[in-house]
Amino acid sequence: MSVRRPEAGSNFRLGFLLLPRAKREALSAIYAYCRLIDDVVDSGELSRDEARRRLDFWREEIERLYAGRPGHDAARALLKPVSDYGLPKAEFLEMIRGCALDLEQARYETARDLEDYMRGVASSVGLLCVRVFGWSHTPAARMEEFAVTFGYAFQLTNILRDVGADLEIGRVYLPQADLREAGYSLERLLRRDGGPGFQAAMEAQYRRAKTYYARARSLVDFRDRPRLLPAEVMAHVYEGLLEEIKSRAFPVLFERTRLPAHRKLALVWKAWLYCHGL
């Protein structure tokens, strides 16, 4: 559950429309790879054993990529970005690790457990992207934490939006400990019971996501914000989606909330103003 949703793809691409061509092409290659890995697990076309075999192929293909001899078109498209931007091999492999978790488990006990999953399927993408965006003033460790934390924020927003859709395929990403803390239960969630406790459980996830967004922004030197505009475009759109879900009292058991195009455009403008200190 990472970049497979159509909205995720459009939001990702929306973030880098105004970048120079070389950076757009690099990001497109990264996105194509992430989408391909995600589809191995989530397309519904492969058995679990076949999906595992495909992921093993991609682990080997990433090794071939970094040896300069990839065989797959998607890996060949990454040759120049890897060279130009010093993209770390570990993050391509981390994406595979995260997606592979969906083949092995469908429940998460704590927020820390969920963060381990989100680190794989979302933060890995962010850590690749910030290498393409570039920065000059923020210490490297803080920039890495920025990418990881924004990844958590985006993915938790996706998780809240997709509660009902994920129930249909037997997955529950909401931490079980949080459900119990809210006086709710997994059994009631599986019945799509929106009664007492459900709103409290959703509110807890909303607050955690808001904390991620705020924490990520606090890590960046303001002088680097213009170069990170693509990330902020995505963040503003996803955070806008999060606010829309909350304003509608979390109707996530039976529908998926979307933002209309005009709202997204307004949020893009807001992101531009933020990044340029206006």
Protein backbone atom coordinates (compact mmCIF):
# COMPACT_ATOMS: atom_id res chain seq x y z
CA MET A 1 0.00 0.00 0.00
CA SER A 2 2.38 2.69 -1.17
CA VAL A 3 2.08 4.35 -4.57
CA ARG A 4 -0.50 2.09 -6.20
CA ARG A 5 -3.50 4.41 -5.94
CA PRO A 6 -4.24 6.65 -8.97
CA GLU A 7 -4.42 9.70 -6.69
CA ALA A 8 -0.99 8.92 -5.30
CA GLY A 9 0.47 8.87 -8.79
CA SER A 10 -1.16 12.13 -9.83
CA ASN A 11 -0.12 13.83 -6.58
CA PHE A 12 3.43 12.57 -7.00
CA ARG A 13 3.65 13.92 -10.54
CA LEU A 14 1.94 17.16 -9.59
CA GLY A 15 4.82 17.82 -7.22
CA PHE A 16 7.51 17.99 -9.89
CA LEU A 17 5.83 19.47 -12.95
CA LEU A 18 7.88 22.68 -12.77
CA LEU A 19 11.27 21.01 -12.24
CA PRO A 20 13.96 20.98 -14.95
CA ARG A 21 13.59 18.16 -17.47
CA ALA A 22 16.50 16.09 -16.13
CA LYS A 23 15.03 16.06 -12.63
CA ARG A 24 11.54 15.28 -13.93
CA GLU A 25 12.91 12.33 -15.86
CA ALA A 26 14.82 11.07 -12.83
CA LEU A 27 11.75 11.29 -10.63
CA SER A 28 9.62 9.61 -13.29
CA ALA A 29 12.07 6.71 -13.37
CA ILE A 30 11.96 6.43 -9.57
CA TYR A 31 8.16 6.52 -9.57
CA ALA A 32 7.96 3.89 -12.33
CA TYR A 33 10.18 1.57 -10.30
CA CYS A 34 8.18 2.07 -7.10
CA ARG A 35 4.90 1.52 -8.92
CA LEU A 36 6.24 -1.67 -10.48
CA ILE A 37 7.37 -3.08 -7.12
CA ASP A 38 4.06 -2.12 -5.52
CA ASP A 39 2.09 -3.79 -8.31
CA VAL A 40 3.93 -7.07 -7.73
CA VAL A 41 2.21 -7.22 -4.35
CA ASP A 42 -1.03 -5.33 -4.93
CA SER A 43 -2.11 -6.02 -8.51
CA GLY A 44 -4.03 -9.10 -7.39
CA GLU A 45 -2.76 -10.96 -10.46
CA LEU A 46 0.00 -12.99 -8.79
CA SER A 47 -0.02 -15.75 -6.22
CA ARG A 48 1.88 -15.07 -3.01
CA ASP A 49 4.69 -17.41 -4.06
CA GLU A 50 4.97 -15.80 -7.49
CA ALA A 51 5.00 -12.32 -5.93
CA ARG A 52 7.86 -13.42 -3.69
CA ARG A 53 9.75 -14.72 -6.71
CA ARG A 54 9.23 -11.41 -8.54
CA LEU A 55 10.52 -9.46 -5.56
CA ASP A 56 13.57 -11.74 -5.44
CA PHE A 57 14.16 -10.94 -9.11
CA TRP A 58 14.06 -7.24 -8.33
CA ARG A 59 16.50 -7.58 -5.47
CA GLU A 60 18.88 -9.19 -7.93
CA GLU A 61 18.08 -6.59 -10.59
CA ILE A 62 18.99 -3.75 -8.24
CA GLU A 63 22.34 -5.44 -7.67
CA ARG A 64 22.79 -5.63 -11.44
CA LEU A 65 21.80 -1.98 -11.74
CA TYR A 66 24.54 -0.93 -9.34
CA ALA A 67 26.99 -3.18 -11.18
CA GLY A 68 26.14 -1.25 -14.36
CA ARG A 69 24.38 -4.09 -16.18
CA PRO A 70 20.60 -3.97 -15.55
CA GLY A 71 18.38 -6.07 -17.77
CA HIS A 72 14.89 -4.67 -17.18
CA ASP A 73 13.77 -1.46 -18.91
CA ALA A 74 12.70 0.11 -15.61
CA ALA A 75 16.12 -0.58 -14.11
CA ARG A 76 17.92 0.71 -17.20
CA ALA A 77 15.95 3.95 -16.89
CA LEU A 78 17.50 4.36 -13.43
CA LEU A 79 21.12 4.16 -14.61
CA LYS A 80 21.49 7.88 -15.28
CA PRO A 81 19.59 9.07 -12.16
CA VAL A 82 21.69 6.74 -9.98
CA SER A 83 24.85 8.18 -11.50
CA ASP A 84 23.74 11.83 -11.62
CA TYR A 85 22.24 12.07 -8.13
CA GLY A 86 24.05 9.38 -6.16
CA LEU A 87 20.83 7.51 -5.40
CA PRO A 88 21.48 4.99 -2.61
CA LYS A 89 20.98 1.32 -3.44
CA ALA A 90 19.69 0.69 0.07
CA GLU A 91 16.52 2.68 -0.56
CA PHE A 92 15.57 0.73 -3.69
CA LEU A 93 15.98 -2.44 -1.66
CA GLU A 94 14.08 -0.90 1.25
CA MET A 95 11.10 -0.33 -1.03
CA ILE A 96 11.12 -4.05 -1.82
CA ARG A 97 11.36 -4.92 1.88
CA GLY A 98 8.38 -2.72 2.72
CA CYS A 99 6.17 -4.09 -0.04
CA ALA A 100 7.16 -7.65 0.90
CA LEU A 101 5.66 -7.08 4.34
CA ASP A 102 2.22 -7.03 2.72
CA LEU A 103 2.80 -10.66 1.74
CA GLU A 104 3.61 -11.68 5.31
CA GLN A 105 1.29 -9.72 7.59
CA ALA A 106 -1.96 -7.81 7.55
CA ARG A 107 -2.00 -6.40 11.09
CA TYR A 108 0.20 -4.03 13.10
CA GLU A 109 0.22 -3.97 16.86
CA THR A 110 1.84 -0.60 17.63
CA ALA A 111 2.60 2.70 15.94
CA ARG A 112 6.29 1.74 15.99
CA ASP A 113 5.46 -1.46 14.08
CA LEU A 114 3.53 0.55 11.52
CA GLU A 115 6.42 3.01 11.15
CA ASP A 116 8.67 0.11 10.19
CA TYR A 117 6.27 -0.71 7.37
CA MET A 118 5.90 2.94 6.31
CA ARG A 119 9.68 3.35 6.33
CA GLY A 120 9.81 0.74 3.59
CA VAL A 121 6.92 1.66 1.35
CA ALA A 122 6.97 5.46 1.66
CA SER A 123 10.05 6.92 3.32
CA SER A 124 12.34 5.03 0.95
CA VAL A 125 10.75 6.95 -1.92
CA GLY A 126 11.24 10.24 -0.11
CA LEU A 127 14.91 9.52 0.54
CA LEU A 128 15.44 8.92 -3.17
CA CYS A 129 13.51 12.02 -4.16
CA VAL A 130 15.35 14.47 -1.91
CA ARG A 131 18.59 13.42 -3.58
CA VAL A 132 17.09 14.60 -6.86
CA PHE A 133 15.64 17.82 -5.41
CA GLY A 134 18.94 18.69 -3.75
CA TRP A 135 19.66 20.96 -0.78
CA SER A 136 22.49 23.14 0.48
CA HIS A 137 21.91 24.31 4.05
CA THR A 138 20.16 21.57 6.02
CA PRO A 139 22.48 19.02 7.66
CA ALA A 140 22.29 15.66 5.89
CA ALA A 141 20.99 13.81 8.95
CA ARG A 142 18.13 16.29 9.33
CA MET A 143 17.30 16.08 5.64
CA GLU A 144 17.12 12.31 5.89
CA GLU A 145 14.84 12.58 8.89
CA PHE A 146 12.72 15.09 6.95
CA ALA A 147 12.26 12.60 4.11
CA VAL A 148 11.50 9.72 6.46
CA THR A 149 8.99 11.75 8.48
CA PHE A 150 7.18 13.16 5.47
CA GLY A 151 6.95 9.58 4.22
CA TYR A 152 5.21 8.62 7.45
CA ALA A 153 2.84 11.58 7.10
CA PHE A 154 1.89 10.76 3.50
CA GLN A 155 1.46 7.05 4.16
CA LEU A 156 -0.61 7.49 7.31
CA THR A 157 -2.87 9.86 5.37
CA ASN A 158 -3.26 7.14 2.73
CA ILE A 159 -4.01 4.59 5.45
CA LEU A 160 -6.77 6.76 6.91
CA ARG A 161 -8.28 7.40 3.49
CA ASP A 162 -8.21 3.71 2.57
CA VAL A 163 -9.49 2.02 5.74
CA GLY A 164 -12.54 0.60 3.95
CA ALA A 165 -10.69 -0.34 0.76
CA ASP A 166 -8.04 -2.17 2.76
CA LEU A 167 -10.68 -4.07 4.73
CA GLU A 168 -11.91 -5.48 1.43
CA ILE A 169 -8.55 -7.19 0.89
CA GLY A 170 -8.16 -8.29 4.50
CA ARG A 171 -5.66 -5.65 5.61
CA VAL A 172 -5.77 -3.47 8.72
CA TYR A 173 -2.98 -0.94 9.05
CA LEU A 174 -4.41 0.93 12.04
CA PRO A 175 -2.31 -0.02 15.09
CA GLN A 176 -4.22 -2.44 17.30
CA ALA A 177 -2.95 -0.79 20.47
CA ASP A 178 -4.45 2.51 19.33
CA LEU A 179 -7.81 0.87 18.71
CA ARG A 180 -7.85 -0.55 22.22
CA GLU A 181 -6.76 2.78 23.71
CA ALA A 182 -9.76 4.41 22.04
CA GLY A 183 -12.17 1.82 23.45
CA TYR A 184 -12.56 0.22 20.05
CA SER A 185 -11.58 -3.21 18.71
CA LEU A 186 -10.37 -5.03 15.63
CA GLU A 187 -13.54 -7.13 15.61
CA ARG A 188 -15.72 -4.02 15.38
CA LEU A 189 -13.53 -2.56 12.66
CA LEU A 190 -13.87 -5.75 10.62
CA ARG A 191 -17.66 -5.35 10.95
CA ARG A 192 -17.29 -1.72 9.80
CA ASP A 193 -18.87 -0.56 13.04
CA GLY A 194 -18.58 3.22 13.17
CA GLY A 195 -20.06 3.48 16.66
CA PRO A 196 -18.47 4.61 19.94
CA GLY A 197 -14.71 4.51 19.91
CA PHE A 198 -14.29 4.68 16.15
CA GLN A 199 -14.08 8.47 16.00
CA ALA A 200 -11.61 8.49 18.89
CA ALA A 201 -9.43 5.95 17.09
CA MET A 202 -9.46 8.02 13.91
CA GLU A 203 -8.74 11.22 15.82
CA ALA A 204 -5.64 9.60 17.31
CA GLN A 205 -4.33 8.74 13.84
CA TYR A 206 -5.17 12.23 12.60
CA ARG A 207 -3.15 13.80 15.44
CA ARG A 208 -0.22 11.49 14.74
CA ALA A 209 -0.24 12.42 11.07
CA LYS A 210 -0.37 16.14 11.90
CA THR A 211 2.63 15.64 14.19
CA TYR A 212 4.56 14.01 11.36
CA TYR A 213 3.84 16.92 9.00
CA ALA A 214 4.89 19.50 11.59
CA ARG A 215 8.00 17.58 12.63
CA ALA A 216 9.19 17.17 9.04
CA ARG A 217 8.88 20.87 8.29
CA SER A 218 10.74 21.82 11.45
CA LEU A 219 13.82 19.93 10.27
CA VAL A 220 14.51 21.95 7.12
CA ASP A 221 16.59 25.12 6.91
CA PHE A 222 14.25 27.73 5.42
CA ARG A 223 16.81 28.45 2.69
CA ASP A 224 16.29 24.96 1.27
CA ARG A 225 12.52 25.27 1.02
CA PRO A 226 12.42 26.49 -2.61
CA ARG A 227 14.35 23.42 -3.79
CA LEU A 228 12.00 21.20 -1.79
CA LEU A 229 8.88 22.73 -3.36
CA PRO A 230 7.88 19.40 -5.01
CA ALA A 231 7.84 17.72 -1.60
CA GLU A 232 5.80 20.56 -0.12
CA VAL A 233 3.32 20.44 -2.98
CA MET A 234 2.68 16.80 -2.15
CA ALA A 235 2.61 17.55 1.57
CA HIS A 236 0.09 20.38 1.19
CA VAL A 237 -2.17 18.22 -0.98
CA TYR A 238 -1.98 15.21 1.33
CA GLU A 239 -2.45 17.32 4.43
CA GLY A 240 -5.43 18.97 2.73
CA LEU A 241 -6.85 15.50 2.13
CA LEU A 242 -6.28 14.66 5.79
CA GLU A 243 -8.18 17.76 6.87
CA GLU A 244 -11.01 16.95 4.48
CA ILE A 245 -11.33 13.45 5.94
CA LYS A 246 -11.48 14.87 9.45
CA SER A 247 -13.97 17.61 8.52
CA ARG A 248 -16.31 14.91 7.19
CA ALA A 249 -16.06 12.94 10.46
CA PHE A 250 -13.92 10.16 9.00
CA PRO A 251 -16.30 8.53 6.50
CA VAL A 252 -13.57 6.03 5.68
CA LEU A 253 -15.35 2.75 6.40
CA PHE A 254 -17.48 2.98 3.28
CA GLU A 255 -15.89 5.58 0.98
CA ARG A 256 -12.59 7.11 -0.07
CA THR A 257 -12.33 10.87 0.20
CA ARG A 258 -10.90 12.80 -2.74
CA LEU A 259 -9.98 16.42 -3.27
CA PRO A 260 -11.36 18.19 -6.34
CA ALA A 261 -8.87 19.62 -8.83
CA HIS A 262 -9.51 23.24 -7.83
CA ARG A 263 -8.70 22.44 -4.20
CA LYS A 264 -5.47 20.79 -5.23
CA LEU A 265 -4.47 23.80 -7.32
CA ALA A 266 -5.14 26.12 -4.40
CA LEU A 267 -2.94 23.94 -2.20
CA VAL A 268 -0.16 23.98 -4.81
CA TRP A 269 -0.23 27.78 -4.71
CA LYS A 270 -0.18 27.70 -0.91
CA ALA A 271 2.86 25.40 -1.02
CA TRP A 272 4.67 27.79 -3.37
CA LEU A 273 3.99 30.71 -1.05
CA TYR A 274 5.22 28.72 1.95
CA CYS A 275 8.44 27.66 0.24
CA HIS A 276 9.21 31.22 -0.83
CA GLY A 277 8.50 32.70 2.59
CA LEU A 278 5.37 34.56 1.54
